[in-house]
C-alpha atoms as a PDB file:
ATOM      1  CA  MET A   1     -33.951 -26.574  -3.741  1.00  0.00           C
ATOM      2  CA  PRO A   2     -30.262 -26.314  -4.716  1.00  0.00           C
ATOM      3  CA  VAL A   3     -28.934 -24.640  -1.558  1.00  0.00           C
ATOM      4  CA  ASP A   4     -25.864 -25.541   0.490  1.00  0.00           C
ATOM      5  CA  ALA A   5     -26.735 -24.680   4.108  1.00  0.00           C
ATOM      6  CA  HIS A   6     -24.157 -26.237   6.424  1.00  0.00           C
ATOM      7  CA  VAL A   7     -24.374 -25.770  10.195  1.00  0.00           C
ATOM      8  CA  HIS A   8     -21.249 -25.498  12.334  1.00  0.00           C
ATOM      9  CA  ASN A   9     -20.885 -25.323  16.105  1.00  0.00           C
ATOM     10  CA  PRO A  10     -19.117 -22.326  17.689  1.00  0.00           C
ATOM     11  CA  SER A  11     -15.738 -24.114  17.398  1.00  0.00           C
ATOM     12  CA  GLY A  12     -16.243 -24.567  13.637  1.00  0.00           C
ATOM     13  CA  ALA A  13     -17.043 -28.310  13.509  1.00  0.00           C
ATOM     14  CA  HIS A  14     -19.689 -29.373  10.975  1.00  0.00           C
ATOM     15  CA  ILE A  15     -22.759 -30.582  12.894  1.00  0.00           C
ATOM     16  CA  GLY A  16     -25.426 -30.765  10.192  1.00  0.00           C
ATOM     17  CA  GLU A  17     -27.270 -28.960   7.443  1.00  0.00           C
ATOM     18  CA  ILE A  18     -30.526 -27.165   6.807  1.00  0.00           C
ATOM     19  CA  LEU A  19     -32.757 -28.711   4.132  1.00  0.00           C
ATOM     20  CA  VAL A  20     -35.113 -26.343   2.299  1.00  0.00           C
ATOM     21  CA  TRP A  21     -38.358 -27.895   1.075  1.00  0.00           C
ATOM     22  CA  THR A  22     -40.494 -26.068  -1.486  1.00  0.00           C
ATOM     23  CA  ASP A  23     -43.964 -26.571  -2.904  1.00  0.00           C
ATOM     24  CA  ARG A  24     -43.658 -26.779  -6.692  1.00  0.00           C
ATOM     25  CA  GLY A  25     -40.297 -25.042  -6.509  1.00  0.00           C
ATOM     26  CA  ALA A  26     -41.687 -21.639  -5.591  1.00  0.00           C
ATOM     27  CA  THR A  27     -43.243 -21.560  -2.117  1.00  0.00           C
ATOM     28  CA  LEU A  28     -41.368 -22.417   1.067  1.00  0.00           C
ATOM     29  CA  ALA A  29     -42.975 -25.568   2.480  1.00  0.00           C
ATOM     30  CA  ALA A  30     -40.605 -26.493   5.326  1.00  0.00           C
ATOM     31  CA  LEU A  31     -37.135 -26.201   6.820  1.00  0.00           C
ATOM     32  CA  GLU A  32     -35.433 -29.278   8.272  1.00  0.00           C
ATOM     33  CA  PHE A  33     -32.296 -29.538  10.388  1.00  0.00           C
ATOM     34  CA  ALA A  34     -30.436 -32.744   9.524  1.00  0.00           C
ATOM     35  CA  TRP A  35     -27.793 -33.290  12.203  1.00  0.00           C
ATOM     36  CA  VAL A  36     -24.731 -35.522  11.868  1.00  0.00           C
ATOM     37  CA  THR A  37     -23.845 -35.764  15.563  1.00  0.00           C
ATOM     38  CA  ASP A  38     -24.566 -38.711  17.873  1.00  0.00           C
ATOM     39  CA  ALA A  39     -26.964 -36.776  20.099  1.00  0.00           C
ATOM     40  CA  MET A  40     -30.208 -35.307  18.767  1.00  0.00           C
ATOM     41  CA  PRO A  41     -30.243 -31.503  19.172  1.00  0.00           C
ATOM     42  CA  ARG A  42     -32.848 -29.980  21.480  1.00  0.00           C
ATOM     43  CA  SER A  43     -33.415 -26.918  19.295  1.00  0.00           C
ATOM     44  CA  LEU A  44     -32.683 -25.495  15.878  1.00  0.00           C
ATOM     45  CA  PRO A  45     -29.205 -24.026  15.441  1.00  0.00           C
ATOM     46  CA  ALA A  46     -28.649 -20.314  15.904  1.00  0.00           C
ATOM     47  CA  ILE A  47     -28.522 -18.397  12.632  1.00  0.00           C
ATOM     48  CA  VAL A  48     -24.939 -17.320  13.380  1.00  0.00           C
ATOM     49  CA  ASN A  49     -23.791 -20.974  13.141  1.00  0.00           C
ATOM     50  CA  GLY A  50     -24.921 -21.420   9.539  1.00  0.00           C
ATOM     51  CA  ARG A  51     -23.202 -20.935   6.194  1.00  0.00           C
ATOM     52  CA  LEU A  52     -25.449 -20.581   3.196  1.00  0.00           C
ATOM     53  CA  SER A  53     -24.402 -20.729  -0.460  1.00  0.00           C
ATOM     54  CA  TRP A  54     -25.979 -21.414  -3.831  1.00  0.00           C
ATOM     55  CA  PRO A  55     -24.254 -23.536  -6.500  1.00  0.00           C
ATOM     56  CA  ALA A  56     -22.893 -21.477  -9.393  1.00  0.00           C
END
């Protein structure tokens, strides 16, 4: 799905992104947190640490 969902820590550093998986482009199938840090996160990021946008 063409969504830009970057995740930032409270200090503003980019720490990953949320991937949105759909079934045939219409039904939500899964959400995945792809992190870019050295340590694997223990939980999903808080919603307040995300920035979501759709391409124009």
